[in-house]
Amino acid sequence: AVRASQSIFAEPWAAGASAPGKIKSLGGKMSERARKLELIGAFLREETTLALATTDKQGGACVAPLFYISDENLYLYWLSAADSVHSENLRRNPEAAATVYCRAENWKDIRGVQMRGLVSTITEPDRRRDLIKSYSERFKLGAVFKLAISQSTVYALRPNFFRYIDNSKGFKHKFEITLKGR
């Protein structure tokens, strides 16, 4: 199951596979890049909703707010109906952008992560079951949603680009990380 306490340093869920972008510390000290990835991971575990951007048939932008969970590899997972607009858009073009941010009343409170990457569906039965269990536990989805969940598709965004913004550290304070091989 996906646990909020997992670290990006943990082994990925696919046994024996190496995590793209997996960071090693140097001499027991965390590298600056690893520290930044941990900061992104902690932020993603704090929040609950992403805004997913896809493109429609005509190339127009579409955005959908979705509950999500994340894992130690900074992949984001959500459930959606296969006939939703964003699901249909992703079937045509699996490239997507997303942002996760916290509610802010003042410019100094703006904090968030912007991401780009490829989206795929999770079809492997055990992995799908574990993700649905984690998702349902996080959002306290009871029996009322059981039928809808069983008919939903599980999606995964594998970001290859992150932009982290934190205005509490100064106006336009940000850093960017690109992960190769994702």
C-alpha atoms as a PDB file:
ATOM      1  CA  ALA A   1       0.000   0.000   0.000  1.00  0.00           C
ATOM      2  CA  VAL A   2       1.053   3.601  -0.495  1.00  0.00           C
ATOM      3  CA  ARG A   3       1.960   5.162   2.822  1.00  0.00           C
ATOM      4  CA  ALA A   4       2.373   8.880   3.438  1.00  0.00           C
ATOM      5  CA  SER A   5       5.477   8.148   5.510  1.00  0.00           C
ATOM      6  CA  GLN A   6       7.358   6.544   2.619  1.00  0.00           C
ATOM      7  CA  SER A   7      10.410   8.360   1.341  1.00  0.00           C
ATOM      8  CA  ILE A   8      11.631   8.885  -2.201  1.00  0.00           C
ATOM      9  CA  PHE A   9      14.710   6.970  -1.030  1.00  0.00           C
ATOM     10  CA  ALA A  10      12.600   3.825  -0.539  1.00  0.00           C
ATOM     11  CA  GLU A  11      12.510   1.116  -3.159  1.00  0.00           C
ATOM     12  CA  PRO A  12       9.809   1.725  -5.758  1.00  0.00           C
ATOM     13  CA  TRP A  13       6.684  -0.415  -5.770  1.00  0.00           C
ATOM     14  CA  ALA A  14       7.767  -2.450  -8.789  1.00  0.00           C
ATOM     15  CA  ALA A  15      10.035  -5.083  -7.240  1.00  0.00           C
ATOM     16  CA  GLY A  16      13.555  -4.934  -8.544  1.00  0.00           C
ATOM     17  CA  ALA A  17      13.047  -1.757 -10.589  1.00  0.00           C
ATOM     18  CA  SER A  18      15.096   1.324  -9.883  1.00  0.00           C
ATOM     19  CA  ALA A  19      13.222   4.533  -9.269  1.00  0.00           C
ATOM     20  CA  PRO A  20      13.761   7.112 -11.981  1.00  0.00           C
ATOM     21  CA  GLY A  21      15.324  10.127 -10.359  1.00  0.00           C
ATOM     22  CA  LYS A  22      16.140   8.180  -7.198  1.00  0.00           C
ATOM     23  CA  ILE A  23      18.642  10.218  -5.249  1.00  0.00           C
ATOM     24  CA  LYS A  24      21.525   8.940  -3.152  1.00  0.00           C
ATOM     25  CA  SER A  25      22.965  10.911  -0.293  1.00  0.00           C
ATOM     26  CA  LEU A  26      26.675  11.650  -0.259  1.00  0.00           C
ATOM     27  CA  GLY A  27      28.644  10.635   2.814  1.00  0.00           C
ATOM     28  CA  GLY A  28      25.504  10.398   4.927  1.00  0.00           C
ATOM     29  CA  LYS A  29      24.496  13.949   4.019  1.00  0.00           C
ATOM     30  CA  MET A  30      21.484  14.606   1.865  1.00  0.00           C
ATOM     31  CA  SER A  31      22.330  16.315  -1.416  1.00  0.00           C
ATOM     32  CA  GLU A  32      20.640  19.625  -2.215  1.00  0.00           C
ATOM     33  CA  ARG A  33      18.653  17.942  -4.980  1.00  0.00           C
ATOM     34  CA  ALA A  34      17.521  15.183  -2.598  1.00  0.00           C
ATOM     35  CA  ARG A  35      16.527  17.798  -0.009  1.00  0.00           C
ATOM     36  CA  LYS A  36      14.431  19.588  -2.633  1.00  0.00           C
ATOM     37  CA  LEU A  37      12.753  16.341  -3.733  1.00  0.00           C
ATOM     38  CA  GLU A  38      11.955  15.530  -0.096  1.00  0.00           C
ATOM     39  CA  LEU A  39      10.428  19.019   0.263  1.00  0.00           C
ATOM     40  CA  ILE A  40       8.231  18.379  -2.790  1.00  0.00           C
ATOM     41  CA  GLY A  41       7.242  14.954  -1.437  1.00  0.00           C
ATOM     42  CA  ALA A  42       6.313  16.368   1.977  1.00  0.00           C
ATOM     43  CA  PHE A  43       4.208  19.074   0.338  1.00  0.00           C
ATOM     44  CA  LEU A  44       2.400  16.552  -1.883  1.00  0.00           C
ATOM     45  CA  ARG A  45       1.609  14.411   1.197  1.00  0.00           C
ATOM     46  CA  GLU A  46       0.156  17.477   3.008  1.00  0.00           C
ATOM     47  CA  GLU A  47      -2.314  18.443   0.299  1.00  0.00           C
ATOM     48  CA  THR A  48      -5.253  16.528  -1.143  1.00  0.00           C
ATOM     49  CA  THR A  49      -6.307  18.075  -4.449  1.00  0.00           C
ATOM     50  CA  LEU A  50      -4.528  18.585  -7.747  1.00  0.00           C
ATOM     51  CA  ALA A  51      -5.591  20.610 -10.752  1.00  0.00           C
ATOM     52  CA  LEU A  52      -4.957  18.399 -13.788  1.00  0.00           C
ATOM     53  CA  ALA A  53      -4.472  20.088 -17.161  1.00  0.00           C
ATOM     54  CA  THR A  54      -5.109  18.122 -20.356  1.00  0.00           C
ATOM     55  CA  THR A  55      -5.823  19.088 -23.953  1.00  0.00           C
ATOM     56  CA  ASP A  56      -9.037  18.411 -25.844  1.00  0.00           C
ATOM     57  CA  LYS A  57      -9.498  17.309 -29.486  1.00  0.00           C
ATOM     58  CA  GLN A  58      -9.017  20.863 -30.750  1.00  0.00           C
ATOM     59  CA  GLY A  59      -5.900  21.440 -28.621  1.00  0.00           C
ATOM     60  CA  GLY A  60      -7.758  23.547 -26.064  1.00  0.00           C
ATOM     61  CA  ALA A  61      -6.795  23.505 -22.410  1.00  0.00           C
ATOM     62  CA  CYS A  62      -9.002  21.638 -19.915  1.00  0.00           C
ATOM     63  CA  VAL A  63      -8.492  21.611 -16.146  1.00  0.00           C
ATOM     64  CA  ALA A  64     -10.071  19.274 -13.594  1.00  0.00           C
ATOM     65  CA  PRO A  65      -9.705  19.317  -9.794  1.00  0.00           C
ATOM     66  CA  LEU A  66      -9.100  15.800  -8.440  1.00  0.00           C
ATOM     67  CA  PHE A  67      -8.305  14.134  -5.114  1.00  0.00           C
ATOM     68  CA  TYR A  68      -4.952  12.336  -5.334  1.00  0.00           C
ATOM     69  CA  ILE A  69      -2.460  10.275  -3.384  1.00  0.00           C
ATOM     70  CA  SER A  70       1.277  10.220  -4.000  1.00  0.00           C
ATOM     71  CA  ASP A  71       4.041   7.702  -3.430  1.00  0.00           C
ATOM     72  CA  GLU A  72       7.759   7.691  -2.637  1.00  0.00           C
ATOM     73  CA  ASN A  73       8.594   8.217  -6.332  1.00  0.00           C
ATOM     74  CA  LEU A  74       6.492  11.397  -6.436  1.00  0.00           C
ATOM     75  CA  TYR A  75       3.947   9.719  -8.717  1.00  0.00           C
ATOM     76  CA  LEU A  76       0.393  11.021  -8.251  1.00  0.00           C
ATOM     77  CA  TYR A  77      -2.624   8.694  -8.437  1.00  0.00           C
ATOM     78  CA  TRP A  78      -6.333   9.410  -8.764  1.00  0.00           C
ATOM     79  CA  LEU A  79      -9.585   7.709  -9.688  1.00  0.00           C
ATOM     80  CA  SER A  80     -11.791   8.905 -12.529  1.00  0.00           C
ATOM     81  CA  ALA A  81     -14.565   7.678 -14.735  1.00  0.00           C
ATOM     82  CA  ALA A  82     -13.298   6.541 -18.128  1.00  0.00           C
ATOM     83  CA  ASP A  83     -15.824   8.825 -19.845  1.00  0.00           C
ATOM     84  CA  SER A  84     -14.840  12.019 -18.007  1.00  0.00           C
ATOM     85  CA  VAL A  85     -13.441  14.781 -20.222  1.00  0.00           C
ATOM     86  CA  HIS A  86      -9.934  14.575 -18.747  1.00  0.00           C
ATOM     87  CA  SER A  87      -9.888  10.757 -19.093  1.00  0.00           C
ATOM     88  CA  GLU A  88     -10.907  10.987 -22.745  1.00  0.00           C
ATOM     89  CA  ASN A  89      -8.273  13.677 -23.301  1.00  0.00           C
ATOM     90  CA  LEU A  90      -5.592  11.485 -21.703  1.00  0.00           C
ATOM     91  CA  ARG A  91      -6.493   8.563 -23.987  1.00  0.00           C
ATOM     92  CA  ARG A  92      -5.705  10.798 -26.972  1.00  0.00           C
ATOM     93  CA  ASN A  93      -2.660  12.459 -25.429  1.00  0.00           C
ATOM     94  CA  PRO A  94      -1.093  11.102 -22.208  1.00  0.00           C
ATOM     95  CA  GLU A  95       0.945  14.257 -21.620  1.00  0.00           C
ATOM     96  CA  ALA A  96      -0.431  16.364 -18.785  1.00  0.00           C
ATOM     97  CA  ALA A  97       0.418  19.145 -16.394  1.00  0.00           C
ATOM     98  CA  ALA A  98      -0.762  19.448 -12.825  1.00  0.00           C
ATOM     99  CA  THR A  99      -0.471  21.788  -9.918  1.00  0.00           C
ATOM    100  CA  VAL A 100      -0.990  21.255  -6.215  1.00  0.00           C
ATOM    101  CA  TYR A 101      -1.175  24.296  -3.981  1.00  0.00           C
ATOM    102  CA  CYS A 102      -2.384  25.321  -0.577  1.00  0.00           C
ATOM    103  CA  ARG A 103      -5.145  27.831   0.064  1.00  0.00           C
ATOM    104  CA  ALA A 104      -3.762  31.349   0.405  1.00  0.00           C
ATOM    105  CA  GLU A 105      -5.226  34.713   1.396  1.00  0.00           C
ATOM    106  CA  ASN A 106      -1.973  36.647   1.030  1.00  0.00           C
ATOM    107  CA  TRP A 107       0.774  36.538  -1.606  1.00  0.00           C
ATOM    108  CA  LYS A 108       3.266  35.508   1.113  1.00  0.00           C
ATOM    109  CA  ASP A 109       1.207  32.373   1.731  1.00  0.00           C
ATOM    110  CA  ILE A 110       1.372  31.114  -1.878  1.00  0.00           C
ATOM    111  CA  ARG A 111       3.072  27.732  -1.934  1.00  0.00           C
ATOM    112  CA  GLY A 112       2.731  24.950  -4.473  1.00  0.00           C
ATOM    113  CA  VAL A 113       4.181  22.477  -6.928  1.00  0.00           C
ATOM    114  CA  GLN A 114       3.725  22.548 -10.698  1.00  0.00           C
ATOM    115  CA  MET A 115       4.423  19.328 -12.606  1.00  0.00           C
ATOM    116  CA  ARG A 116       4.516  17.904 -16.119  1.00  0.00           C
ATOM    117  CA  GLY A 117       4.708  14.296 -17.205  1.00  0.00           C
ATOM    118  CA  LEU A 118       3.012  11.288 -18.723  1.00  0.00           C
ATOM    119  CA  VAL A 119      -0.181   9.719 -17.424  1.00  0.00           C
ATOM    120  CA  SER A 120      -0.918   6.006 -17.563  1.00  0.00           C
ATOM    121  CA  THR A 121      -3.588   3.719 -16.173  1.00  0.00           C
ATOM    122  CA  ILE A 122      -2.943   1.162 -13.464  1.00  0.00           C
ATOM    123  CA  THR A 123      -4.356  -2.172 -14.582  1.00  0.00           C
ATOM    124  CA  GLU A 124      -2.297  -4.693 -12.573  1.00  0.00           C
ATOM    125  CA  PRO A 125      -4.920  -6.054 -10.122  1.00  0.00           C
ATOM    126  CA  ASP A 126      -2.837  -6.109  -6.904  1.00  0.00           C
ATOM    127  CA  ARG A 127      -1.401  -2.640  -7.518  1.00  0.00           C
ATOM    128  CA  ARG A 128      -4.835  -1.267  -8.391  1.00  0.00           C
ATOM    129  CA  ARG A 129      -6.347  -2.794  -5.232  1.00  0.00           C
ATOM    130  CA  ASP A 130      -3.567  -1.345  -3.020  1.00  0.00           C
ATOM    131  CA  LEU A 131      -3.943   2.125  -4.538  1.00  0.00           C
ATOM    132  CA  ILE A 132      -7.736   2.094  -4.214  1.00  0.00           C
ATOM    133  CA  LYS A 133      -7.391   1.001  -0.584  1.00  0.00           C
ATOM    134  CA  SER A 134      -4.924   3.827   0.175  1.00  0.00           C
ATOM    135  CA  TYR A 135      -7.061   6.352  -1.703  1.00  0.00           C
ATOM    136  CA  SER A 136     -10.254   5.261   0.052  1.00  0.00           C
ATOM    137  CA  GLU A 137      -8.575   5.388   3.477  1.00  0.00           C
ATOM    138  CA  ARG A 138      -7.071   8.819   2.901  1.00  0.00           C
ATOM    139  CA  PHE A 139     -10.368  10.341   1.787  1.00  0.00           C
ATOM    140  CA  LYS A 140     -12.562   8.279   4.124  1.00  0.00           C
ATOM    141  CA  LEU A 141     -14.650   6.887   1.277  1.00  0.00           C
ATOM    142  CA  GLY A 142     -17.083   4.420   2.728  1.00  0.00           C
ATOM    143  CA  ALA A 143     -19.455   1.911   1.224  1.00  0.00           C
ATOM    144  CA  VAL A 144     -21.428   4.692  -0.492  1.00  0.00           C
ATOM    145  CA  PHE A 145     -18.635   5.049  -3.067  1.00  0.00           C
ATOM    146  CA  LYS A 146     -17.874   1.325  -3.457  1.00  0.00           C
ATOM    147  CA  LEU A 147     -19.717   0.901  -6.776  1.00  0.00           C
ATOM    148  CA  ALA A 148     -18.326   4.135  -8.260  1.00  0.00           C
ATOM    149  CA  ILE A 149     -14.790   3.193  -7.180  1.00  0.00           C
ATOM    150  CA  SER A 150     -15.070  -0.299  -8.663  1.00  0.00           C
ATOM    151  CA  GLN A 151     -16.034   1.265 -12.008  1.00  0.00           C
ATOM    152  CA  SER A 152     -13.316   3.922 -11.918  1.00  0.00           C
ATOM    153  CA  THR A 153      -9.998   3.897 -13.702  1.00  0.00           C
ATOM    154  CA  VAL A 154      -6.856   4.393 -11.613  1.00  0.00           C
ATOM    155  CA  TYR A 155      -4.500   6.904 -13.215  1.00  0.00           C
ATOM    156  CA  ALA A 156      -0.849   7.674 -12.471  1.00  0.00           C
ATOM    157  CA  LEU A 157       1.011  10.883 -13.320  1.00  0.00           C
ATOM    158  CA  ARG A 158       4.767  10.312 -13.502  1.00  0.00           C
ATOM    159  CA  PRO A 159       6.139  13.847 -13.362  1.00  0.00           C
ATOM    160  CA  ASN A 160       9.424  14.484 -15.119  1.00  0.00           C
ATOM    161  CA  PHE A 161       9.433  18.185 -14.235  1.00  0.00           C
ATOM    162  CA  PHE A 162       8.715  19.950 -10.937  1.00  0.00           C
ATOM    163  CA  ARG A 163       8.582  23.641 -10.080  1.00  0.00           C
ATOM    164  CA  TYR A 164       8.246  24.354  -6.359  1.00  0.00           C
ATOM    165  CA  ILE A 165       7.074  27.832  -5.318  1.00  0.00           C
ATOM    166  CA  ASP A 166       7.194  29.214  -1.769  1.00  0.00           C
ATOM    167  CA  ASN A 167       6.514  32.935  -1.419  1.00  0.00           C
ATOM    168  CA  SER A 168       7.010  32.761   2.364  1.00  0.00           C
ATOM    169  CA  LYS A 169      10.730  32.744   1.534  1.00  0.00           C
ATOM    170  CA  GLY A 170      10.383  35.761  -0.776  1.00  0.00           C
ATOM    171  CA  PHE A 171       8.366  36.878  -3.781  1.00  0.00           C
ATOM    172  CA  LYS A 172       8.813  34.403  -6.661  1.00  0.00           C
ATOM    173  CA  HIS A 173      11.020  32.064  -4.569  1.00  0.00           C
ATOM    174  CA  LYS A 174      11.173  28.823  -6.556  1.00  0.00           C
ATOM    175  CA  PHE A 175      13.292  25.951  -7.726  1.00  0.00           C
ATOM    176  CA  GLU A 176      12.906  23.542 -10.626  1.00  0.00           C
ATOM    177  CA  ILE A 177      13.922  19.910 -11.014  1.00  0.00           C
ATOM    178  CA  THR A 178      13.831  17.788 -14.144  1.00  0.00           C
ATOM    179  CA  LEU A 179      14.004  14.010 -13.778  1.00  0.00           C
ATOM    180  CA  LYS A 180      15.441  12.081 -16.715  1.00  0.00           C
ATOM    181  CA  GLY A 181      14.071   8.728 -17.812  1.00  0.00           C
ATOM    182  CA  ARG A 182      10.464   9.151 -16.694  1.00  0.00           C
END
